[in-house]
């Protein structure tokens, strides 16, 4: 499962807006928008996102 798929599943489960997710997870409100447009997340960012999802799971 890609990081974008994990994010999308989290957003569906929680109802959290994508800008709020990006801001809280990595300090970038455009994160999800940019990932959907082809931005590649490097391993440290993926780890931060996965950690956020684990800590704040639905």
N, C-alpha and C. Protein backbone atom coordinates (compact mmCIF):
# COMPACT_ATOMS: atom_id res chain seq x y z
N UNK A 1 0.85 -1.18 0.00
CA UNK A 1 0.00 0.00 0.00
C UNK A 1 0.91 1.25 0.00
N UNK A 2 0.63 2.16 -0.89
CA UNK A 2 1.42 3.38 -0.98
C UNK A 2 1.06 4.32 0.17
N UNK A 3 1.93 5.29 0.41
CA UNK A 3 1.66 6.25 1.48
C UNK A 3 0.41 7.06 1.17
N UNK A 4 0.18 7.36 -0.09
CA UNK A 4 -1.03 8.11 -0.46
C UNK A 4 -2.28 7.29 -0.17
N UNK A 5 -2.22 6.01 -0.43
CA UNK A 5 -3.37 5.14 -0.12
C UNK A 5 -3.63 5.11 1.39
N UNK A 6 -2.56 5.07 2.18
CA UNK A 6 -2.71 5.07 3.64
C UNK A 6 -3.33 6.38 4.11
N UNK A 7 -2.86 7.48 3.52
CA UNK A 7 -3.41 8.79 3.88
C UNK A 7 -4.88 8.87 3.51
N UNK A 8 -5.22 8.46 2.30
CA UNK A 8 -6.62 8.52 1.85
C UNK A 8 -7.52 7.68 2.75
N UNK A 9 -7.05 6.51 3.16
CA UNK A 9 -7.84 5.65 4.05
C UNK A 9 -8.04 6.36 5.40
N UNK A 10 -6.98 6.95 5.91
CA UNK A 10 -7.06 7.68 7.18
C UNK A 10 -8.05 8.83 7.07
N UNK A 11 -7.97 9.59 5.99
CA UNK A 11 -8.87 10.73 5.81
C UNK A 11 -10.33 10.28 5.74
N UNK A 12 -10.59 9.18 5.05
CA UNK A 12 -11.96 8.65 4.97
C UNK A 12 -12.46 8.22 6.35
N UNK A 13 -11.60 7.54 7.10
CA UNK A 13 -12.00 7.02 8.41
C UNK A 13 -12.23 8.12 9.43
N UNK A 14 -11.45 9.18 9.36
CA UNK A 14 -11.53 10.23 10.37
C UNK A 14 -12.38 11.43 9.93
N UNK A 15 -12.53 11.61 8.63
CA UNK A 15 -13.23 12.79 8.15
C UNK A 15 -12.38 14.06 8.23
N UNK A 16 -11.09 13.90 8.48
CA UNK A 16 -10.19 15.05 8.60
C UNK A 16 -9.93 15.66 7.22
N UNK A 17 -9.97 16.97 7.11
CA UNK A 17 -9.62 17.62 5.83
C UNK A 17 -8.15 17.36 5.48
N UNK A 18 -7.87 17.25 4.19
CA UNK A 18 -6.51 16.91 3.77
C UNK A 18 -5.51 18.00 4.15
N UNK A 19 -5.93 19.26 4.16
CA UNK A 19 -4.99 20.32 4.54
C UNK A 19 -4.63 20.24 6.02
N UNK A 20 -5.59 19.91 6.85
CA UNK A 20 -5.32 19.76 8.28
C UNK A 20 -4.40 18.57 8.52
N UNK A 21 -4.62 17.48 7.81
CA UNK A 21 -3.76 16.32 7.95
C UNK A 21 -2.31 16.68 7.62
N UNK A 22 -2.10 17.32 6.49
CA UNK A 22 -0.75 17.69 6.09
C UNK A 22 -0.08 18.61 7.09
N UNK A 23 -0.85 19.56 7.60
CA UNK A 23 -0.30 20.51 8.56
C UNK A 23 0.09 19.81 9.85
N UNK A 24 -0.77 18.94 10.35
CA UNK A 24 -0.49 18.25 11.61
C UNK A 24 0.60 17.19 11.46
N UNK A 25 0.59 16.47 10.35
CA UNK A 25 1.52 15.36 10.17
C UNK A 25 2.94 15.83 9.87
N UNK A 26 3.08 16.80 8.98
CA UNK A 26 4.43 17.21 8.56
C UNK A 26 4.61 18.72 8.43
N UNK A 27 3.60 19.49 8.82
CA UNK A 27 3.73 20.94 8.75
C UNK A 27 3.54 21.51 7.36
N UNK A 28 2.88 20.76 6.47
CA UNK A 28 2.69 21.21 5.09
C UNK A 28 1.23 20.99 4.68
N UNK A 29 0.41 22.04 4.69
CA UNK A 29 -1.00 21.87 4.35
C UNK A 29 -1.24 21.42 2.91
N UNK A 30 -0.25 21.56 2.03
CA UNK A 30 -0.41 21.14 0.63
C UNK A 30 0.07 19.70 0.38
N UNK A 31 0.49 19.01 1.42
CA UNK A 31 1.06 17.68 1.28
C UNK A 31 0.21 16.74 0.44
N UNK A 32 -1.03 16.53 0.83
CA UNK A 32 -1.88 15.56 0.14
C UNK A 32 -2.14 16.01 -1.29
N UNK A 33 -2.42 17.27 -1.48
CA UNK A 33 -2.65 17.80 -2.83
C UNK A 33 -1.44 17.53 -3.71
N UNK A 34 -0.26 17.83 -3.19
CA UNK A 34 0.96 17.63 -3.97
C UNK A 34 1.24 16.15 -4.24
N UNK A 35 0.98 15.29 -3.27
CA UNK A 35 1.17 13.86 -3.49
C UNK A 35 0.24 13.35 -4.59
N UNK A 36 -0.98 13.84 -4.59
CA UNK A 36 -1.95 13.43 -5.62
C UNK A 36 -1.52 13.93 -7.01
N UNK A 37 -0.72 14.96 -7.04
CA UNK A 37 -0.23 15.50 -8.32
C UNK A 37 1.15 14.98 -8.69
N UNK A 38 1.64 13.96 -7.96
CA UNK A 38 2.87 13.32 -8.36
C UNK A 38 4.09 13.55 -7.48
N UNK A 39 3.96 14.38 -6.45
CA UNK A 39 5.09 14.60 -5.55
C UNK A 39 5.49 13.27 -4.91
N UNK A 40 6.77 13.03 -4.82
CA UNK A 40 7.29 11.81 -4.20
C UNK A 40 7.76 12.13 -2.79
N UNK A 41 7.26 11.37 -1.83
CA UNK A 41 7.68 11.56 -0.45
C UNK A 41 8.90 10.69 -0.18
N UNK A 42 9.93 11.31 0.37
CA UNK A 42 11.14 10.56 0.73
C UNK A 42 10.90 9.77 2.01
N UNK A 43 11.80 8.86 2.27
CA UNK A 43 11.62 7.93 3.39
C UNK A 43 11.43 8.62 4.74
N UNK A 44 12.18 9.68 5.07
CA UNK A 44 11.94 10.33 6.38
C UNK A 44 10.53 10.91 6.50
N UNK A 45 10.01 11.48 5.40
CA UNK A 45 8.66 12.03 5.44
C UNK A 45 7.63 10.90 5.55
N UNK A 46 7.84 9.83 4.82
CA UNK A 46 6.93 8.68 4.91
C UNK A 46 6.88 8.19 6.35
N UNK A 47 8.03 8.11 7.01
CA UNK A 47 8.09 7.66 8.40
C UNK A 47 7.30 8.61 9.31
N UNK A 48 7.43 9.92 9.09
CA UNK A 48 6.67 10.89 9.90
C UNK A 48 5.17 10.74 9.68
N UNK A 49 4.77 10.53 8.44
CA UNK A 49 3.34 10.37 8.13
C UNK A 49 2.80 9.10 8.77
N UNK A 50 3.53 7.99 8.61
CA UNK A 50 3.08 6.73 9.19
C UNK A 50 3.02 6.82 10.71
N UNK A 51 3.98 7.50 11.31
CA UNK A 51 3.97 7.68 12.76
C UNK A 51 2.75 8.48 13.20
N UNK A 52 2.44 9.53 12.48
CA UNK A 52 1.26 10.34 12.80
C UNK A 52 -0.01 9.49 12.72
N UNK A 53 -0.13 8.71 11.65
CA UNK A 53 -1.33 7.87 11.47
C UNK A 53 -1.43 6.85 12.61
N UNK A 54 -0.31 6.27 13.00
CA UNK A 54 -0.33 5.29 14.10
C UNK A 54 -0.72 5.95 15.43
N UNK A 55 -0.18 7.13 15.70
CA UNK A 55 -0.48 7.81 16.96
C UNK A 55 -1.92 8.32 17.02
N UNK A 56 -2.47 8.69 15.87
CA UNK A 56 -3.80 9.30 15.83
C UNK A 56 -4.79 8.43 15.06
N UNK A 57 -4.63 7.13 15.14
CA UNK A 57 -5.46 6.21 14.37
C UNK A 57 -6.95 6.39 14.60
N UNK A 58 -7.68 5.98 13.58
CA UNK A 58 -9.14 6.12 13.63
C UNK A 58 -9.74 4.99 14.44
